[in-house]
Amino acid sequence: MVREGHIDGPGGRLWYAIHGENRPGIPLLVVHGGPGFLSVPDVVADLADERPVIFYDQLGCGRSERPADSSLYTIEHYVAEVAALHSALGLQNIHLLGQSWGCMLAAEYLLRERPAGVHSLTLCGPLLSTPRWEADQRAHLAELPSAQQTVVAEAERTGDFGEAYQSAMMDYYHRHLCRLDPWPENVSQSLGQMNLDLYLTMWGPSEFTVTGTLKGHDLLPRLHEIVQPTLLVCGEHDEAAPTSVQLFRDRLPRGAMAVLPHASHLHHLEQPGLFLKVVRDHLHRADALQP
């Protein structure tokens, strides 16, 4: 059973859905990626056989309200939004799972709000340091055919992100975003529902061209403050390169890491069985711990 609803968030109404609401385990709150993407429950919702799994769409995304005021597109706002949802749903004890940009948001929530009752953190394809992310994408770009590298460089120089740039971007995404061929229909549909204004405001024209307000944002110096048991998961070919994820793990007092072979950023779709095993084992270990 899935229960859907809305809460009044700090800048508008937020959609949420609870899978497995009556299951006995500690709930898992999922923070989606983007910025500007939306909740895609596939695979992660399978964890609802043991515990409630809660998805929500951030303001401006998916089934949540889209404000006319783009000044709300800030880290501060989205942290306040997580706090509002946590409170409105009466979640005394939770696990947190972030995906991509949602990892930065989940970590910021812990660092800024210091919420009680968070038993663990799971970070999937983690964006935690924009400088590290950009360095990883430059390394990935260097593996593209030289003609595509030239197209990207010229677009970034001129600001013309037209058809040639979009073609190079999609080739890049098939290497590092999702390596399934063809892409699952829900991936294509969800990308088509992105709030591009929000993505451009906070990020930029693509995963590897960063021009938005998150440019320069870096949590690496503060990761040692996150005391919860933290599992970092990435794909072998992830946009979040395993070398960077290892660096994050080493900065976390209770960090662990799993690299899923033959997978990329959407590794939970590419390696669902392995993904569920490593996350489920992590949640089981953390269930009995005091937050």
C-alpha atoms as a PDB file:
ATOM      1  CA  MET A   1       0.000   0.000   0.000  1.00  0.00           C
ATOM      2  CA  VAL A   2       1.117   3.545  -0.781  1.00  0.00           C
ATOM      3  CA  ARG A   3      -0.316   6.614   0.918  1.00  0.00           C
ATOM      4  CA  GLU A   4       0.146   9.947  -0.828  1.00  0.00           C
ATOM      5  CA  GLY A   5      -0.480  13.394   0.548  1.00  0.00           C
ATOM      6  CA  HIS A   6       0.726  16.981   0.813  1.00  0.00           C
ATOM      7  CA  ILE A   7       2.110  19.131   3.598  1.00  0.00           C
ATOM      8  CA  ASP A   8       2.436  22.887   3.760  1.00  0.00           C
ATOM      9  CA  GLY A   9       6.152  23.503   3.362  1.00  0.00           C
ATOM     10  CA  PRO A  10       7.981  26.775   3.984  1.00  0.00           C
ATOM     11  CA  GLY A  11       7.476  27.959   0.389  1.00  0.00           C
ATOM     12  CA  GLY A  12       4.519  25.921  -0.873  1.00  0.00           C
ATOM     13  CA  ARG A  13       2.797  22.565  -0.776  1.00  0.00           C
ATOM     14  CA  LEU A  14       4.997  19.474  -0.889  1.00  0.00           C
ATOM     15  CA  TRP A  15       3.913  16.086  -2.232  1.00  0.00           C
ATOM     16  CA  TYR A  16       4.952  12.939  -0.391  1.00  0.00           C
ATOM     17  CA  ALA A  17       4.276   9.213  -0.618  1.00  0.00           C
ATOM     18  CA  ILE A  18       4.756   6.557   2.073  1.00  0.00           C
ATOM     19  CA  HIS A  19       5.358   2.973   0.946  1.00  0.00           C
ATOM     20  CA  GLY A  20       4.875   0.229   3.539  1.00  0.00           C
ATOM     21  CA  GLU A  21       3.477   2.613   6.135  1.00  0.00           C
ATOM     22  CA  ASN A  22       2.502  -0.171   8.543  1.00  0.00           C
ATOM     23  CA  ARG A  23       5.830  -2.005   8.419  1.00  0.00           C
ATOM     24  CA  PRO A  24       7.603  -2.189  11.799  1.00  0.00           C
ATOM     25  CA  GLY A  25      11.111  -0.992  10.862  1.00  0.00           C
ATOM     26  CA  ILE A  26      12.557   2.478  11.361  1.00  0.00           C
ATOM     27  CA  PRO A  27      11.344   4.654   8.445  1.00  0.00           C
ATOM     28  CA  LEU A  28      13.627   5.587   5.571  1.00  0.00           C
ATOM     29  CA  LEU A  29      13.290   9.142   4.219  1.00  0.00           C
ATOM     30  CA  VAL A  30      14.551   9.505   0.630  1.00  0.00           C
ATOM     31  CA  VAL A  31      15.919  12.833  -0.671  1.00  0.00           C
ATOM     32  CA  HIS A  32      15.941  12.897  -4.460  1.00  0.00           C
ATOM     33  CA  GLY A  33      18.543  14.342  -6.800  1.00  0.00           C
ATOM     34  CA  GLY A  34      18.617  17.164  -9.282  1.00  0.00           C
ATOM     35  CA  PRO A  35      18.334  19.964  -8.425  1.00  0.00           C
ATOM     36  CA  GLY A  36      15.013  19.999 -10.238  1.00  0.00           C
ATOM     37  CA  PHE A  37      14.458  16.244 -10.553  1.00  0.00           C
ATOM     38  CA  LEU A  38      11.680  14.324  -8.769  1.00  0.00           C
ATOM     39  CA  SER A  39      11.124  11.174  -6.751  1.00  0.00           C
ATOM     40  CA  VAL A  40      11.448   7.910  -8.683  1.00  0.00           C
ATOM     41  CA  PRO A  41      10.577   5.079  -6.257  1.00  0.00           C
ATOM     42  CA  ASP A  42      11.814   2.226  -8.468  1.00  0.00           C
ATOM     43  CA  VAL A  43      14.032  -0.257  -6.586  1.00  0.00           C
ATOM     44  CA  VAL A  44      14.419   1.912  -3.454  1.00  0.00           C
ATOM     45  CA  ALA A  45      10.734   1.327  -2.666  1.00  0.00           C
ATOM     46  CA  ASP A  46      11.488  -2.410  -2.454  1.00  0.00           C
ATOM     47  CA  LEU A  47      12.956  -1.669   0.988  1.00  0.00           C
ATOM     48  CA  ALA A  48       9.359  -1.062   2.122  1.00  0.00           C
ATOM     49  CA  ASP A  49       8.964  -4.782   2.749  1.00  0.00           C
ATOM     50  CA  GLU A  50      10.608  -4.128   6.146  1.00  0.00           C
ATOM     51  CA  ARG A  51      10.041  -0.448   6.947  1.00  0.00           C
ATOM     52  CA  PRO A  52       8.132   2.611   5.745  1.00  0.00           C
ATOM     53  CA  VAL A  53       9.944   4.290   2.852  1.00  0.00           C
ATOM     54  CA  ILE A  54       9.025   7.928   2.358  1.00  0.00           C
ATOM     55  CA  PHE A  55       9.544   9.850  -0.876  1.00  0.00           C
ATOM     56  CA  TYR A  56       8.823  13.521  -1.440  1.00  0.00           C
ATOM     57  CA  ASP A  57       9.267  16.028  -4.249  1.00  0.00           C
ATOM     58  CA  GLN A  58      11.236  19.140  -3.425  1.00  0.00           C
ATOM     59  CA  LEU A  59       9.585  22.510  -4.015  1.00  0.00           C
ATOM     60  CA  GLY A  60       9.499  23.257  -7.727  1.00  0.00           C
ATOM     61  CA  CYS A  61       9.777  19.562  -8.603  1.00  0.00           C
ATOM     62  CA  GLY A  62       7.425  16.801  -9.718  1.00  0.00           C
ATOM     63  CA  ARG A  63       4.106  16.832  -7.892  1.00  0.00           C
ATOM     64  CA  SER A  64       5.008  19.589  -5.437  1.00  0.00           C
ATOM     65  CA  GLU A  65       4.104  23.227  -5.930  1.00  0.00           C
ATOM     66  CA  ARG A  66       6.154  25.309  -8.377  1.00  0.00           C
ATOM     67  CA  PRO A  67       6.629  28.770  -6.891  1.00  0.00           C
ATOM     68  CA  ALA A  68       6.819  31.875  -9.043  1.00  0.00           C
ATOM     69  CA  ASP A  69       9.571  33.130  -6.738  1.00  0.00           C
ATOM     70  CA  SER A  70      12.833  31.519  -7.847  1.00  0.00           C
ATOM     71  CA  SER A  71      14.637  33.114  -4.885  1.00  0.00           C
ATOM     72  CA  LEU A  72      13.439  30.050  -2.938  1.00  0.00           C
ATOM     73  CA  TYR A  73      15.844  27.877  -4.920  1.00  0.00           C
ATOM     74  CA  THR A  74      18.525  27.826  -2.234  1.00  0.00           C
ATOM     75  CA  ILE A  75      20.192  25.295   0.036  1.00  0.00           C
ATOM     76  CA  GLU A  76      18.755  27.120   3.052  1.00  0.00           C
ATOM     77  CA  HIS A  77      15.221  26.731   1.755  1.00  0.00           C
ATOM     78  CA  TYR A  78      15.577  23.060   0.896  1.00  0.00           C
ATOM     79  CA  VAL A  79      17.075  22.285   4.313  1.00  0.00           C
ATOM     80  CA  ALA A  80      14.076  23.997   5.949  1.00  0.00           C
ATOM     81  CA  GLU A  81      11.847  21.887   3.723  1.00  0.00           C
ATOM     82  CA  VAL A  82      13.371  18.605   4.961  1.00  0.00           C
ATOM     83  CA  ALA A  83      12.898  19.820   8.542  1.00  0.00           C
ATOM     84  CA  ALA A  84       9.258  20.684   7.841  1.00  0.00           C
ATOM     85  CA  LEU A  85       8.555  17.268   6.346  1.00  0.00           C
ATOM     86  CA  HIS A  86      10.354  15.478   9.192  1.00  0.00           C
ATOM     87  CA  SER A  87       8.183  17.338  11.699  1.00  0.00           C
ATOM     88  CA  ALA A  88       4.866  17.221   9.829  1.00  0.00           C
ATOM     89  CA  LEU A  89       5.019  13.448   9.389  1.00  0.00           C
ATOM     90  CA  GLY A  90       5.880  12.907  13.061  1.00  0.00           C
ATOM     91  CA  LEU A  91       9.040  10.966  12.282  1.00  0.00           C
ATOM     92  CA  GLN A  92      10.807  10.516  15.607  1.00  0.00           C
ATOM     93  CA  ASN A  93      13.375   8.000  14.358  1.00  0.00           C
ATOM     94  CA  ILE A  94      14.500   7.783  10.749  1.00  0.00           C
ATOM     95  CA  HIS A  95      17.198   6.715   8.352  1.00  0.00           C
ATOM     96  CA  LEU A  96      18.109   9.196   5.604  1.00  0.00           C
ATOM     97  CA  LEU A  97      18.961   8.245   2.014  1.00  0.00           C
ATOM     98  CA  GLY A  98      20.136  10.853  -0.474  1.00  0.00           C
ATOM     99  CA  GLN A  99      20.650  10.533  -4.215  1.00  0.00           C
ATOM    100  CA  SER A 100      23.152  12.773  -6.057  1.00  0.00           C
ATOM    101  CA  TRP A 101      22.287  16.415  -5.121  1.00  0.00           C
ATOM    102  CA  GLY A 102      20.033  14.893  -2.454  1.00  0.00           C
ATOM    103  CA  CYS A 103      23.219  13.714  -0.696  1.00  0.00           C
ATOM    104  CA  MET A 104      24.397  17.298  -0.273  1.00  0.00           C
ATOM    105  CA  LEU A 105      20.938  18.288   0.927  1.00  0.00           C
ATOM    106  CA  ALA A 106      20.722  15.410   3.436  1.00  0.00           C
ATOM    107  CA  ALA A 107      24.210  16.199   4.750  1.00  0.00           C
ATOM    108  CA  GLU A 108      23.368  19.903   5.026  1.00  0.00           C
ATOM    109  CA  TYR A 109      20.244  18.987   6.987  1.00  0.00           C
ATOM    110  CA  LEU A 110      22.326  17.061   9.507  1.00  0.00           C
ATOM    111  CA  LEU A 111      24.972  19.773   9.751  1.00  0.00           C
ATOM    112  CA  ARG A 112      22.633  22.774   9.977  1.00  0.00           C
ATOM    113  CA  GLU A 113      19.668  21.396  11.906  1.00  0.00           C
ATOM    114  CA  ARG A 114      21.320  18.680  14.049  1.00  0.00           C
ATOM    115  CA  PRO A 115      18.017  16.752  14.090  1.00  0.00           C
ATOM    116  CA  ALA A 116      17.424  14.144  16.771  1.00  0.00           C
ATOM    117  CA  GLY A 117      16.583  10.553  15.928  1.00  0.00           C
ATOM    118  CA  VAL A 118      18.550  10.077  12.677  1.00  0.00           C
ATOM    119  CA  HIS A 119      19.990   6.555  12.915  1.00  0.00           C
ATOM    120  CA  SER A 120      21.977   6.443   9.672  1.00  0.00           C
ATOM    121  CA  LEU A 121      22.785   8.090   6.378  1.00  0.00           C
ATOM    122  CA  THR A 122      23.032   6.486   2.931  1.00  0.00           C
ATOM    123  CA  LEU A 123      24.559   8.581   0.145  1.00  0.00           C
ATOM    124  CA  CYS A 124      24.107   7.315  -3.435  1.00  0.00           C
ATOM    125  CA  GLY A 125      26.237   8.800  -6.218  1.00  0.00           C
ATOM    126  CA  PRO A 126      27.075  11.568  -3.762  1.00  0.00           C
ATOM    127  CA  LEU A 127      27.463  15.218  -4.632  1.00  0.00           C
ATOM    128  CA  LEU A 128      29.198  16.534  -1.507  1.00  0.00           C
ATOM    129  CA  SER A 129      31.814  18.796  -3.061  1.00  0.00           C
ATOM    130  CA  THR A 130      31.147  20.716  -6.259  1.00  0.00           C
ATOM    131  CA  PRO A 131      34.885  21.239  -6.904  1.00  0.00           C
ATOM    132  CA  ARG A 132      35.475  17.494  -6.653  1.00  0.00           C
ATOM    133  CA  TRP A 133      32.440  16.824  -8.853  1.00  0.00           C
ATOM    134  CA  GLU A 134      33.715  19.191 -11.527  1.00  0.00           C
ATOM    135  CA  ALA A 135      37.155  17.589 -11.424  1.00  0.00           C
ATOM    136  CA  ASP A 136      35.579  14.160 -11.870  1.00  0.00           C
ATOM    137  CA  GLN A 137      33.518  15.333 -14.849  1.00  0.00           C
ATOM    138  CA  ARG A 138      36.587  16.866 -16.506  1.00  0.00           C
ATOM    139  CA  ALA A 139      38.352  13.517 -16.160  1.00  0.00           C
ATOM    140  CA  HIS A 140      35.327  11.756 -17.666  1.00  0.00           C
ATOM    141  CA  LEU A 141      35.138  14.284 -20.513  1.00  0.00           C
ATOM    142  CA  ALA A 142      38.759  13.573 -21.373  1.00  0.00           C
ATOM    143  CA  GLU A 143      37.671  10.027 -22.260  1.00  0.00           C
ATOM    144  CA  LEU A 144      35.162  11.199 -24.889  1.00  0.00           C
ATOM    145  CA  PRO A 145      36.101  11.343 -28.582  1.00  0.00           C
ATOM    146  CA  SER A 146      38.129  14.470 -29.315  1.00  0.00           C
ATOM    147  CA  ALA A 147      35.380  15.921 -31.537  1.00  0.00           C
ATOM    148  CA  GLN A 148      32.909  15.848 -28.646  1.00  0.00           C
ATOM    149  CA  GLN A 149      35.471  17.383 -26.303  1.00  0.00           C
ATOM    150  CA  THR A 150      35.858  20.225 -28.794  1.00  0.00           C
ATOM    151  CA  VAL A 151      32.081  20.717 -28.982  1.00  0.00           C
ATOM    152  CA  VAL A 152      31.811  20.963 -25.189  1.00  0.00           C
ATOM    153  CA  ALA A 153      34.748  23.363 -24.901  1.00  0.00           C
ATOM    154  CA  GLU A 154      33.365  25.619 -27.641  1.00  0.00           C
ATOM    155  CA  ALA A 155      29.883  25.663 -26.072  1.00  0.00           C
ATOM    156  CA  GLU A 156      31.297  26.574 -22.694  1.00  0.00           C
ATOM    157  CA  ARG A 157      33.374  29.335 -24.308  1.00  0.00           C
ATOM    158  CA  THR A 158      30.527  30.867 -26.305  1.00  0.00           C
ATOM    159  CA  GLY A 159      27.533  30.033 -24.123  1.00  0.00           C
ATOM    160  CA  ASP A 160      25.824  28.331 -27.071  1.00  0.00           C
ATOM    161  CA  PHE A 161      24.504  25.040 -25.664  1.00  0.00           C
ATOM    162  CA  GLY A 162      22.710  24.009 -28.815  1.00  0.00           C
ATOM    163  CA  GLU A 163      22.202  20.762 -30.682  1.00  0.00           C
ATOM    164  CA  ALA A 164      25.856  19.701 -30.910  1.00  0.00           C
ATOM    165  CA  TYR A 165      26.367  20.241 -27.184  1.00  0.00           C
ATOM    166  CA  GLN A 166      23.150  18.373 -26.378  1.00  0.00           C
ATOM    167  CA  SER A 167      24.282  15.423 -28.503  1.00  0.00           C
ATOM    168  CA  ALA A 168      27.641  15.257 -26.709  1.00  0.00           C
ATOM    169  CA  MET A 169      25.837  15.559 -23.379  1.00  0.00           C
ATOM    170  CA  MET A 170      23.604  12.582 -24.152  1.00  0.00           C
ATOM    171  CA  ASP A 171      26.582  10.454 -25.175  1.00  0.00           C
ATOM    172  CA  TYR A 172      28.190  11.397 -21.878  1.00  0.00           C
ATOM    173  CA  TYR A 173      25.036  10.485 -19.961  1.00  0.00           C
ATOM    174  CA  HIS A 174      24.932   7.045 -21.577  1.00  0.00           C
ATOM    175  CA  ARG A 175      28.426   6.471 -20.199  1.00  0.00           C
ATOM    176  CA  HIS A 176      28.082   7.985 -16.728  1.00  0.00           C
ATOM    177  CA  LEU A 177      24.405   8.605 -15.861  1.00  0.00           C
ATOM    178  CA  CYS A 178      22.740   5.359 -16.960  1.00  0.00           C
ATOM    179  CA  ARG A 179      24.447   2.591 -18.942  1.00  0.00           C
ATOM    180  CA  LEU A 180      21.283   0.556 -19.570  1.00  0.00           C
ATOM    181  CA  ASP A 181      20.430   0.289 -23.265  1.00  0.00           C
ATOM    182  CA  PRO A 182      17.770   1.316 -23.891  1.00  0.00           C
ATOM    183  CA  TRP A 183      17.096   3.503 -20.901  1.00  0.00           C
ATOM    184  CA  PRO A 184      14.109   2.431 -18.786  1.00  0.00           C
ATOM    185  CA  GLU A 185      11.033   4.356 -19.853  1.00  0.00           C
ATOM    186  CA  ASN A 186      10.655   5.908 -16.400  1.00  0.00           C
ATOM    187  CA  VAL A 187      14.161   7.413 -16.632  1.00  0.00           C
ATOM    188  CA  SER A 188      13.368   9.157 -19.907  1.00  0.00           C
ATOM    189  CA  GLN A 189       9.966  10.280 -18.632  1.00  0.00           C
ATOM    190  CA  SER A 190      11.397  11.614 -15.375  1.00  0.00           C
ATOM    191  CA  LEU A 191      14.134  13.557 -17.175  1.00  0.00           C
ATOM    192  CA  GLY A 192      11.409  15.052 -19.333  1.00  0.00           C
ATOM    193  CA  GLN A 193       9.624  16.297 -16.204  1.00  0.00           C
ATOM    194  CA  MET A 194      12.664  18.084 -14.767  1.00  0.00           C
ATOM    195  CA  ASN A 195      12.321  21.713 -13.735  1.00  0.00           C
ATOM    196  CA  LEU A 196      15.041  23.065 -16.013  1.00  0.00           C
ATOM    197  CA  ASP A 197      14.791  26.589 -14.564  1.00  0.00           C
ATOM    198  CA  LEU A 198      15.625  25.194 -11.134  1.00  0.00           C
ATOM    199  CA  TYR A 199      18.420  23.014 -12.550  1.00  0.00           C
ATOM    200  CA  LEU A 200      19.944  25.957 -14.420  1.00  0.00           C
ATOM    201  CA  THR A 201      19.635  28.256 -11.417  1.00  0.00           C
ATOM    202  CA  MET A 202      21.348  25.948  -8.950  1.00  0.00           C
ATOM    203  CA  TRP A 203      23.525  23.826 -11.253  1.00  0.00           C
ATOM    204  CA  GLY A 204      23.952  24.658 -14.949  1.00  0.00           C
ATOM    205  CA  PRO A 205      23.446  23.457 -18.544  1.00  0.00           C
ATOM    206  CA  SER A 206      24.542  19.875 -17.825  1.00  0.00           C
ATOM    207  CA  GLU A 207      26.112  17.624 -15.217  1.00  0.00           C
ATOM    208  CA  PHE A 208      29.576  18.674 -16.389  1.00  0.00           C
ATOM    209  CA  THR A 209      29.023  22.407 -17.009  1.00  0.00           C
ATOM    210  CA  VAL A 210      28.443  24.043 -13.622  1.00  0.00           C
ATOM    211  CA  THR A 211      27.412  27.701 -13.633  1.00  0.00           C
ATOM    212  CA  GLY A 212      24.734  27.869 -10.918  1.00  0.00           C
ATOM    213  CA  THR A 213      24.624  28.805  -7.252  1.00  0.00           C
ATOM    214  CA  LEU A 214      26.060  25.464  -6.120  1.00  0.00           C
ATOM    215  CA  LYS A 215      29.329  26.176  -7.915  1.00  0.00           C
ATOM    216  CA  GLY A 216      32.108  26.169  -5.333  1.00  0.00           C
ATOM    217  CA  HIS A 217      29.961  24.632  -2.601  1.00  0.00           C
ATOM    218  CA  ASP A 218      32.051  22.129  -0.661  1.00  0.00           C
ATOM    219  CA  LEU A 219      31.159  20.018   2.378  1.00  0.00           C
ATOM    220  CA  LEU A 220      34.466  18.152   2.428  1.00  0.00           C
ATOM    221  CA  PRO A 221      35.866  20.228   5.334  1.00  0.00           C
ATOM    222  CA  ARG A 222      32.799  19.454   7.468  1.00  0.00           C
ATOM    223  CA  LEU A 223      32.179  15.767   6.802  1.00  0.00           C
ATOM    224  CA  HIS A 224      33.946  14.857  10.039  1.00  0.00           C
ATOM    225  CA  GLU A 225      31.000  16.440  11.897  1.00  0.00           C
ATOM    226  CA  ILE A 226      28.544  13.806  10.617  1.00  0.00           C
ATOM    227  CA  VAL A 227      28.515  11.177  13.355  1.00  0.00           C
ATOM    228  CA  GLN A 228      25.835   8.833  12.008  1.00  0.00           C
ATOM    229  CA  PRO A 229      26.893   5.541  10.378  1.00  0.00           C
ATOM    230  CA  THR A 230      27.140   6.496   6.716  1.00  0.00           C
ATOM    231  CA  LEU A 231      27.165   4.249   3.662  1.00  0.00           C
ATOM    232  CA  LEU A 232      28.352   5.759   0.385  1.00  0.00           C
ATOM    233  CA  VAL A 233      27.321   3.909  -2.772  1.00  0.00           C
ATOM    234  CA  CYS A 234      28.488   4.598  -6.300  1.00  0.00           C
ATOM    235  CA  GLY A 235      28.807   2.841  -9.625  1.00  0.00           C
ATOM    236  CA  GLU A 236      32.095   1.853 -11.197  1.00  0.00           C
ATOM    237  CA  HIS A 237      31.467   4.446 -13.945  1.00  0.00           C
ATOM    238  CA  ASP A 238      29.548   6.931 -11.790  1.00  0.00           C
ATOM    239  CA  GLU A 239      29.620  10.676 -12.306  1.00  0.00           C
ATOM    240  CA  ALA A 240      30.641  10.604  -8.647  1.00  0.00           C
ATOM    241  CA  ALA A 241      33.956   8.876  -9.251  1.00  0.00           C
ATOM    242  CA  PRO A 242      34.933   6.106  -6.802  1.00  0.00           C
ATOM    243  CA  THR A 243      38.162   7.982  -5.965  1.00  0.00           C
ATOM    244  CA  SER A 244      36.183  10.981  -4.731  1.00  0.00           C
ATOM    245  CA  VAL A 245      33.685   8.780  -2.904  1.00  0.00           C
ATOM    246  CA  GLN A 246      36.596   7.104  -1.136  1.00  0.00           C
ATOM    247  CA  LEU A 247      37.861  10.525  -0.068  1.00  0.00           C
ATOM    248  CA  PHE A 248      34.435  11.329   1.386  1.00  0.00           C
ATOM    249  CA  ARG A 249      34.351   7.998   3.190  1.00  0.00           C
ATOM    250  CA  ASP A 250      37.722   8.637   4.754  1.00  0.00           C
ATOM    251  CA  ARG A 251      36.525  11.997   6.134  1.00  0.00           C
ATOM    252  CA  LEU A 252      33.455  10.464   7.790  1.00  0.00           C
ATOM    253  CA  PRO A 253      33.997   9.089  11.319  1.00  0.00           C
ATOM    254  CA  ARG A 254      31.707   6.119  10.634  1.00  0.00           C
ATOM    255  CA  GLY A 255      31.897   5.870   6.863  1.00  0.00           C
ATOM    256  CA  ALA A 256      31.646   2.770   4.683  1.00  0.00           C
ATOM    257  CA  MET A 257      31.612   2.430   0.924  1.00  0.00           C
ATOM    258  CA  ALA A 258      30.319   0.143  -1.833  1.00  0.00           C
ATOM    259  CA  VAL A 259      31.212   0.390  -5.542  1.00  0.00           C
ATOM    260  CA  LEU A 260      28.743  -1.428  -7.807  1.00  0.00           C
ATOM    261  CA  PRO A 261      30.445  -2.976 -10.864  1.00  0.00           C
ATOM    262  CA  HIS A 262      29.403  -2.176 -14.445  1.00  0.00           C
ATOM    263  CA  ALA A 263      27.132   0.609 -13.161  1.00  0.00           C
ATOM    264  CA  SER A 264      27.033   4.402 -13.228  1.00  0.00           C
ATOM    265  CA  HIS A 265      25.076   7.206 -11.530  1.00  0.00           C
ATOM    266  CA  LEU A 266      21.725   5.391 -11.599  1.00  0.00           C
ATOM    267  CA  HIS A 267      23.387   2.299 -10.141  1.00  0.00           C
ATOM    268  CA  HIS A 268      20.278   1.311  -8.199  1.00  0.00           C
ATOM    269  CA  LEU A 269      18.532   0.672 -11.544  1.00  0.00           C
ATOM    270  CA  GLU A 270      21.551  -0.952 -13.172  1.00  0.00           C
ATOM    271  CA  GLN A 271      22.413  -3.285 -10.260  1.00  0.00           C
ATOM    272  CA  PRO A 272      19.164  -3.504  -8.252  1.00  0.00           C
ATOM    273  CA  GLY A 273      19.880  -6.760  -6.417  1.00  0.00           C
ATOM    274  CA  LEU A 274      23.331  -5.705  -5.274  1.00  0.00           C
ATOM    275  CA  PHE A 275      22.128  -2.215  -4.403  1.00  0.00           C
ATOM    276  CA  LEU A 276      19.321  -3.535  -2.218  1.00  0.00           C
ATOM    277  CA  LYS A 277      21.643  -5.954  -0.447  1.00  0.00           C
ATOM    278  CA  VAL A 278      24.281  -3.387   0.521  1.00  0.00           C
ATOM    279  CA  VAL A 279      21.705  -0.790   1.600  1.00  0.00           C
ATOM    280  CA  ARG A 280      19.566  -3.295   3.479  1.00  0.00           C
ATOM    281  CA  ASP A 281      22.620  -4.626   5.344  1.00  0.00           C
ATOM    282  CA  HIS A 282      23.610  -1.074   6.276  1.00  0.00           C
ATOM    283  CA  LEU A 283      20.116  -0.292   7.584  1.00  0.00           C
ATOM    284  CA  HIS A 284      20.020  -3.513   9.590  1.00  0.00           C
ATOM    285  CA  ARG A 285      23.332  -2.671  11.260  1.00  0.00           C
ATOM    286  CA  ALA A 286      22.123   0.810  12.116  1.00  0.00           C
ATOM    287  CA  ASP A 287      18.643  -0.172  13.296  1.00  0.00           C
ATOM    288  CA  ALA A 288      19.821  -1.242  16.736  1.00  0.00           C
ATOM    289  CA  LEU A 289      22.130   1.734  17.312  1.00  0.00           C
ATOM    290  CA  GLN A 290      21.261   4.801  19.336  1.00  0.00           C
ATOM    291  CA  PRO A 291      21.115   7.833  17.009  1.00  0.00           C
END
